């Protein structure tokens, strides 16, 4: 898992190694890694539907080549980290949660 301030999502394949569920070379908006207010009780949320497509890591081409996800149990690791320099108190905050899902392959299409 990469370590930086903010929110990170990593997906581990059945073998325990990181897999890419999004094209790492896709265009993404630029945003500054900096503090932002979140009201007490506020929520940050987003979603992604796993379709069984994984992306080849370290590919020099765009769009990045893909391959079908192997069957098995996948682990999603979601983390939040805020370094000491952004905290008004004397410590950093770090939080991590994990969950799993089983992938049996794509649904069978009827003729």
N, C-alpha and C. Protein backbone atom coordinates (compact mmCIF):
# COMPACT_ATOMS: atom_id res chain seq x y z
N UNK A 1 0.85 -1.17 0.00
CA UNK A 1 0.00 0.00 0.00
C UNK A 1 0.89 1.23 0.00
N UNK A 2 0.51 2.20 -0.81
CA UNK A 2 1.24 3.45 -0.82
C UNK A 2 0.92 4.23 0.45
N UNK A 3 1.90 5.01 0.92
CA UNK A 3 1.66 5.78 2.14
C UNK A 3 1.77 7.26 1.82
N UNK A 4 0.70 7.98 2.05
CA UNK A 4 0.67 9.42 1.92
C UNK A 4 -0.45 9.94 2.81
N UNK A 5 -0.59 11.24 2.88
CA UNK A 5 -1.70 11.81 3.64
C UNK A 5 -2.97 11.65 2.83
N UNK A 6 -4.06 11.41 3.52
CA UNK A 6 -5.34 11.30 2.85
C UNK A 6 -5.86 9.88 2.85
N UNK A 7 -6.71 9.59 1.87
CA UNK A 7 -7.39 8.30 1.78
C UNK A 7 -6.70 7.43 0.74
N UNK A 8 -6.50 6.17 1.07
CA UNK A 8 -5.92 5.20 0.14
C UNK A 8 -6.82 3.98 0.07
N UNK A 9 -6.93 3.41 -1.12
CA UNK A 9 -7.65 2.16 -1.32
C UNK A 9 -6.71 1.23 -2.07
N UNK A 10 -6.51 0.04 -1.53
CA UNK A 10 -5.68 -0.96 -2.18
C UNK A 10 -6.48 -2.25 -2.25
N UNK A 11 -6.35 -2.96 -3.36
CA UNK A 11 -7.01 -4.26 -3.51
C UNK A 11 -5.92 -5.32 -3.62
N UNK A 12 -6.05 -6.36 -2.79
CA UNK A 12 -5.11 -7.48 -2.81
C UNK A 12 -5.81 -8.67 -3.45
N UNK A 13 -5.11 -9.32 -4.37
CA UNK A 13 -5.66 -10.48 -5.05
C UNK A 13 -5.62 -11.71 -4.17
N UNK A 14 -6.12 -12.84 -4.69
CA UNK A 14 -6.14 -14.08 -3.92
C UNK A 14 -4.76 -14.52 -3.42
N UNK A 15 -3.70 -14.10 -4.12
CA UNK A 15 -2.34 -14.46 -3.70
C UNK A 15 -1.76 -13.49 -2.68
N UNK A 16 -2.53 -12.44 -2.31
CA UNK A 16 -2.07 -11.47 -1.33
C UNK A 16 -1.32 -10.29 -1.92
N UNK A 17 -1.08 -10.30 -3.22
CA UNK A 17 -0.38 -9.19 -3.87
C UNK A 17 -1.37 -8.15 -4.38
N UNK A 18 -0.91 -6.90 -4.44
CA UNK A 18 -1.77 -5.81 -4.91
C UNK A 18 -2.15 -6.04 -6.37
N UNK A 19 -3.42 -5.78 -6.68
CA UNK A 19 -3.90 -5.83 -8.06
C UNK A 19 -4.48 -4.47 -8.40
N UNK A 20 -4.50 -4.16 -9.68
CA UNK A 20 -5.00 -2.86 -10.13
C UNK A 20 -6.39 -3.02 -10.72
N UNK A 21 -7.38 -2.42 -10.09
CA UNK A 21 -8.77 -2.51 -10.57
C UNK A 21 -9.15 -1.30 -11.41
N UNK A 22 -8.28 -0.30 -11.47
CA UNK A 22 -8.46 0.88 -12.32
C UNK A 22 -7.19 1.06 -13.15
N UNK A 23 -7.34 1.60 -14.34
CA UNK A 23 -6.19 1.86 -15.20
C UNK A 23 -5.29 2.90 -14.52
N UNK A 24 -4.05 2.52 -14.19
CA UNK A 24 -3.17 3.47 -13.50
C UNK A 24 -2.77 4.66 -14.38
N UNK A 25 -2.97 4.56 -15.69
CA UNK A 25 -2.62 5.65 -16.61
C UNK A 25 -3.84 6.47 -17.04
N UNK A 26 -4.99 6.22 -16.42
CA UNK A 26 -6.20 6.96 -16.79
C UNK A 26 -6.03 8.43 -16.39
N UNK A 27 -6.64 9.31 -17.14
CA UNK A 27 -6.59 10.73 -16.73
C UNK A 27 -7.36 10.92 -15.43
N UNK A 28 -6.77 11.62 -14.51
CA UNK A 28 -7.43 11.93 -13.24
C UNK A 28 -7.25 13.42 -12.96
N UNK A 29 -8.19 14.02 -12.23
CA UNK A 29 -8.02 15.44 -11.91
C UNK A 29 -6.85 15.64 -10.96
N UNK A 30 -6.17 16.73 -11.15
CA UNK A 30 -5.08 17.07 -10.24
C UNK A 30 -5.67 17.68 -8.98
N UNK A 31 -5.16 17.26 -7.86
CA UNK A 31 -5.60 17.86 -6.61
C UNK A 31 -4.41 17.95 -5.67
N UNK A 32 -4.40 18.96 -4.90
CA UNK A 32 -3.31 19.20 -3.97
C UNK A 32 -3.50 18.33 -2.74
N UNK A 33 -2.43 17.70 -2.28
CA UNK A 33 -2.47 16.92 -1.05
C UNK A 33 -2.35 17.90 0.11
N UNK A 34 -3.47 18.28 0.65
CA UNK A 34 -3.46 19.27 1.71
C UNK A 34 -4.69 19.14 2.58
N UNK A 35 -4.71 19.89 3.66
CA UNK A 35 -5.83 19.79 4.61
C UNK A 35 -7.13 20.31 4.00
N UNK A 36 -8.21 19.71 4.45
CA UNK A 36 -9.55 20.11 4.05
C UNK A 36 -10.48 19.86 5.22
N UNK A 37 -11.41 20.76 5.42
CA UNK A 37 -12.32 20.64 6.56
C UNK A 37 -13.36 19.55 6.30
N UNK A 38 -13.67 18.80 7.34
CA UNK A 38 -14.76 17.84 7.32
C UNK A 38 -15.53 18.07 8.61
N UNK A 39 -16.78 18.43 8.46
CA UNK A 39 -17.61 18.73 9.62
C UNK A 39 -17.75 17.50 10.51
N UNK A 40 -17.92 17.69 11.82
CA UNK A 40 -18.15 16.55 12.71
C UNK A 40 -19.34 15.73 12.21
N UNK A 41 -19.14 14.44 12.14
CA UNK A 41 -20.19 13.55 11.63
C UNK A 41 -20.26 13.51 10.11
N UNK A 42 -19.39 14.27 9.44
CA UNK A 42 -19.38 14.30 7.98
C UNK A 42 -18.92 12.96 7.41
N UNK A 43 -19.25 12.73 6.16
CA UNK A 43 -18.94 11.46 5.51
C UNK A 43 -18.31 11.71 4.16
N UNK A 44 -17.27 10.97 3.85
CA UNK A 44 -16.70 10.94 2.51
C UNK A 44 -17.04 9.57 1.95
N UNK A 45 -17.60 9.52 0.76
CA UNK A 45 -17.92 8.22 0.20
C UNK A 45 -17.81 8.24 -1.31
N UNK A 46 -17.58 7.07 -1.85
CA UNK A 46 -17.47 6.87 -3.28
C UNK A 46 -17.72 5.39 -3.51
N UNK A 47 -17.76 4.96 -4.73
CA UNK A 47 -18.01 3.56 -4.99
C UNK A 47 -17.36 3.11 -6.28
N UNK A 48 -17.19 1.82 -6.40
CA UNK A 48 -16.60 1.22 -7.59
C UNK A 48 -17.14 -0.20 -7.69
N UNK A 49 -17.69 -0.55 -8.82
CA UNK A 49 -18.17 -1.92 -9.03
C UNK A 49 -17.06 -2.73 -9.68
N UNK A 50 -16.70 -3.83 -9.06
CA UNK A 50 -15.65 -4.70 -9.60
C UNK A 50 -16.25 -5.54 -10.71
N UNK A 51 -15.67 -5.47 -11.91
CA UNK A 51 -16.21 -6.19 -13.05
C UNK A 51 -15.34 -7.37 -13.49
N UNK A 52 -14.32 -7.67 -12.72
CA UNK A 52 -13.47 -8.81 -13.06
C UNK A 52 -12.33 -8.48 -14.00
N UNK A 53 -12.12 -7.21 -14.28
CA UNK A 53 -11.01 -6.79 -15.14
C UNK A 53 -9.89 -6.22 -14.27
N UNK A 54 -8.68 -6.72 -14.47
CA UNK A 54 -7.50 -6.19 -13.77
C UNK A 54 -6.55 -5.60 -14.80
N UNK A 55 -5.73 -4.65 -14.36
CA UNK A 55 -4.80 -3.95 -15.24
C UNK A 55 -3.37 -4.41 -14.98
N UNK A 56 -2.61 -4.52 -16.06
CA UNK A 56 -1.21 -4.95 -15.97
C UNK A 56 -0.40 -3.83 -15.31
N UNK A 57 0.31 -4.14 -14.22
CA UNK A 57 1.11 -3.09 -13.58
C UNK A 57 2.34 -2.73 -14.41
N UNK A 58 2.77 -1.50 -14.28
CA UNK A 58 4.00 -0.99 -14.91
C UNK A 58 3.99 -1.06 -16.43
N UNK A 59 2.84 -1.03 -17.04
CA UNK A 59 2.77 -1.03 -18.51
C UNK A 59 3.08 0.36 -19.04
N UNK A 60 3.89 0.45 -20.09
CA UNK A 60 4.20 1.76 -20.66
C UNK A 60 3.11 2.27 -21.62
N UNK A 61 2.11 1.45 -21.92
CA UNK A 61 1.11 1.86 -22.91
C UNK A 61 -0.18 2.34 -22.25
N UNK A 62 -0.89 3.20 -23.01
CA UNK A 62 -2.21 3.66 -22.60
C UNK A 62 -3.16 3.43 -23.76
N UNK A 63 -4.32 2.86 -23.54
CA UNK A 63 -4.77 2.36 -22.26
C UNK A 63 -3.97 1.14 -21.83
N UNK A 64 -3.89 0.95 -20.54
CA UNK A 64 -3.12 -0.16 -19.99
C UNK A 64 -3.77 -1.49 -20.35
N UNK A 65 -2.97 -2.49 -20.76
CA UNK A 65 -3.53 -3.81 -21.05
C UNK A 65 -4.22 -4.41 -19.82
N UNK A 66 -5.22 -5.24 -20.08
CA UNK A 66 -5.99 -5.86 -19.00
C UNK A 66 -5.91 -7.37 -19.08
N UNK A 67 -6.37 -8.01 -18.01
CA UNK A 67 -6.50 -9.47 -17.98
C UNK A 67 -7.64 -9.82 -17.02
N UNK A 68 -8.25 -11.01 -17.22
CA UNK A 68 -9.36 -11.37 -16.35
C UNK A 68 -8.88 -11.71 -14.93
N UNK A 69 -9.63 -11.26 -13.97
CA UNK A 69 -9.29 -11.52 -12.56
C UNK A 69 -9.44 -13.02 -12.27
N UNK A 70 -8.44 -13.60 -11.61
CA UNK A 70 -8.59 -15.00 -11.21
C UNK A 70 -9.65 -15.15 -10.12
N UNK A 71 -10.25 -16.32 -10.06
CA UNK A 71 -11.23 -16.56 -9.00
C UNK A 71 -10.51 -16.62 -7.66
N UNK A 72 -11.24 -16.32 -6.61
CA UNK A 72 -10.67 -16.38 -5.27
C UNK A 72 -11.17 -15.25 -4.40
N UNK A 73 -10.56 -15.11 -3.24
CA UNK A 73 -10.94 -14.09 -2.27
C UNK A 73 -10.03 -12.87 -2.42
N UNK A 74 -10.64 -11.72 -2.58
CA UNK A 74 -9.93 -10.44 -2.71
C UNK A 74 -10.11 -9.66 -1.41
N UNK A 75 -9.08 -8.88 -1.06
CA UNK A 75 -9.12 -8.06 0.14
C UNK A 75 -9.03 -6.59 -0.25
N UNK A 76 -9.94 -5.80 0.27
CA UNK A 76 -9.89 -4.35 0.06
C UNK A 76 -9.36 -3.74 1.34
N UNK A 77 -8.32 -2.93 1.20
CA UNK A 77 -7.71 -2.24 2.33
C UNK A 77 -7.95 -0.75 2.13
N UNK A 78 -8.74 -0.16 3.03
CA UNK A 78 -9.01 1.28 2.98
C UNK A 78 -8.28 1.93 4.15
N UNK A 79 -7.57 2.98 3.85
CA UNK A 79 -6.82 3.65 4.91
C UNK A 79 -6.96 5.15 4.86
N UNK A 80 -6.77 5.76 6.00
CA UNK A 80 -6.75 7.21 6.13
C UNK A 80 -5.54 7.56 6.97
N UNK A 81 -4.79 8.56 6.56
CA UNK A 81 -3.63 9.00 7.31
C UNK A 81 -3.54 10.51 7.25
N UNK A 82 -3.25 11.10 8.37
CA UNK A 82 -3.05 12.54 8.45
C UNK A 82 -1.80 12.78 9.29
N UNK A 83 -0.81 13.39 8.69
CA UNK A 83 0.48 13.55 9.36
C UNK A 83 0.43 14.60 10.47
N UNK A 84 1.43 14.57 11.31
CA UNK A 84 1.54 15.46 12.46
C UNK A 84 1.50 16.93 12.04
N UNK A 85 2.09 17.26 10.90
CA UNK A 85 2.16 18.66 10.48
C UNK A 85 0.78 19.27 10.24
N UNK A 86 -0.23 18.45 9.95
CA UNK A 86 -1.56 18.98 9.70
C UNK A 86 -2.44 18.96 10.93
N UNK A 87 -1.96 18.34 11.98
CA UNK A 87 -2.80 18.17 13.16
C UNK A 87 -2.63 19.36 14.09
N UNK A 88 -3.71 19.74 14.74
CA UNK A 88 -3.61 20.82 15.72
C UNK A 88 -3.09 20.28 17.05
N UNK A 89 -3.14 18.94 17.21
CA UNK A 89 -2.59 18.31 18.40
C UNK A 89 -1.22 17.74 18.07
N UNK A 90 -0.63 17.02 19.01
CA UNK A 90 0.74 16.55 18.84
C UNK A 90 0.86 15.15 18.25
N UNK A 91 -0.03 14.72 17.42
CA UNK A 91 0.11 13.38 16.89
C UNK A 91 -0.51 13.24 15.53
N UNK A 92 -0.12 12.19 14.85
CA UNK A 92 -0.70 11.86 13.55
C UNK A 92 -1.88 10.92 13.77
N UNK A 93 -2.75 10.87 12.80
CA UNK A 93 -3.90 9.98 12.85
C UNK A 93 -3.77 8.99 11.70
N UNK A 94 -3.96 7.73 12.01
CA UNK A 94 -3.91 6.71 10.98
C UNK A 94 -5.01 5.69 11.28
N UNK A 95 -5.73 5.29 10.26
CA UNK A 95 -6.85 4.38 10.42
C UNK A 95 -6.87 3.44 9.22
N UNK A 96 -7.12 2.15 9.46
CA UNK A 96 -7.19 1.19 8.37
C UNK A 96 -8.33 0.21 8.62
N UNK A 97 -9.06 -0.11 7.57
CA UNK A 97 -10.12 -1.11 7.63
C UNK A 97 -9.95 -2.05 6.44
N UNK A 98 -10.29 -3.33 6.66
CA UNK A 98 -10.19 -4.34 5.62
C UNK A 98 -11.51 -5.08 5.50
N UNK A 99 -11.81 -5.49 4.28
CA UNK A 99 -12.94 -6.36 4.03
C UNK A 99 -12.59 -7.25 2.84
N UNK A 100 -13.33 -8.32 2.66
CA UNK A 100 -13.05 -9.24 1.57
C UNK A 100 -14.29 -9.50 0.74
N UNK A 101 -14.07 -9.98 -0.46
CA UNK A 101 -15.15 -10.48 -1.30
C UNK A 101 -14.62 -11.64 -2.12
N UNK A 102 -15.50 -12.56 -2.48
CA UNK A 102 -15.13 -13.70 -3.30
C UNK A 102 -15.51 -13.43 -4.74
N UNK A 103 -14.59 -13.71 -5.64
CA UNK A 103 -14.83 -13.53 -7.08
C UNK A 103 -14.83 -14.91 -7.73
N UNK A 104 -15.98 -15.27 -8.33
CA UNK A 104 -16.11 -16.56 -8.99
C UNK A 104 -16.08 -16.42 -10.51
N UNK A 105 -15.79 -15.25 -11.00
CA UNK A 105 -15.76 -15.01 -12.44
C UNK A 105 -17.02 -14.30 -12.88
N UNK A 106 -17.03 -13.91 -14.15
CA UNK A 106 -18.18 -13.16 -14.66
C UNK A 106 -19.42 -14.05 -14.74
N UNK A 107 -20.59 -13.43 -14.68
CA UNK A 107 -21.83 -14.22 -14.80
C UNK A 107 -21.92 -14.86 -16.18
N UNK A 108 -22.54 -16.01 -16.25
CA UNK A 108 -22.74 -16.71 -17.51
C UNK A 108 -23.84 -15.99 -18.30
N UNK A 109 -23.54 -15.68 -19.55
CA UNK A 109 -24.54 -15.01 -20.40
C UNK A 109 -25.38 -16.07 -21.11
N UNK A 110 -26.69 -15.87 -21.11
CA UNK A 110 -27.56 -16.81 -21.81
C UNK A 110 -27.53 -16.52 -23.32
N UNK A 111 -27.67 -17.59 -24.09
CA UNK A 111 -27.65 -17.39 -25.57
C UNK A 111 -28.89 -16.68 -26.06
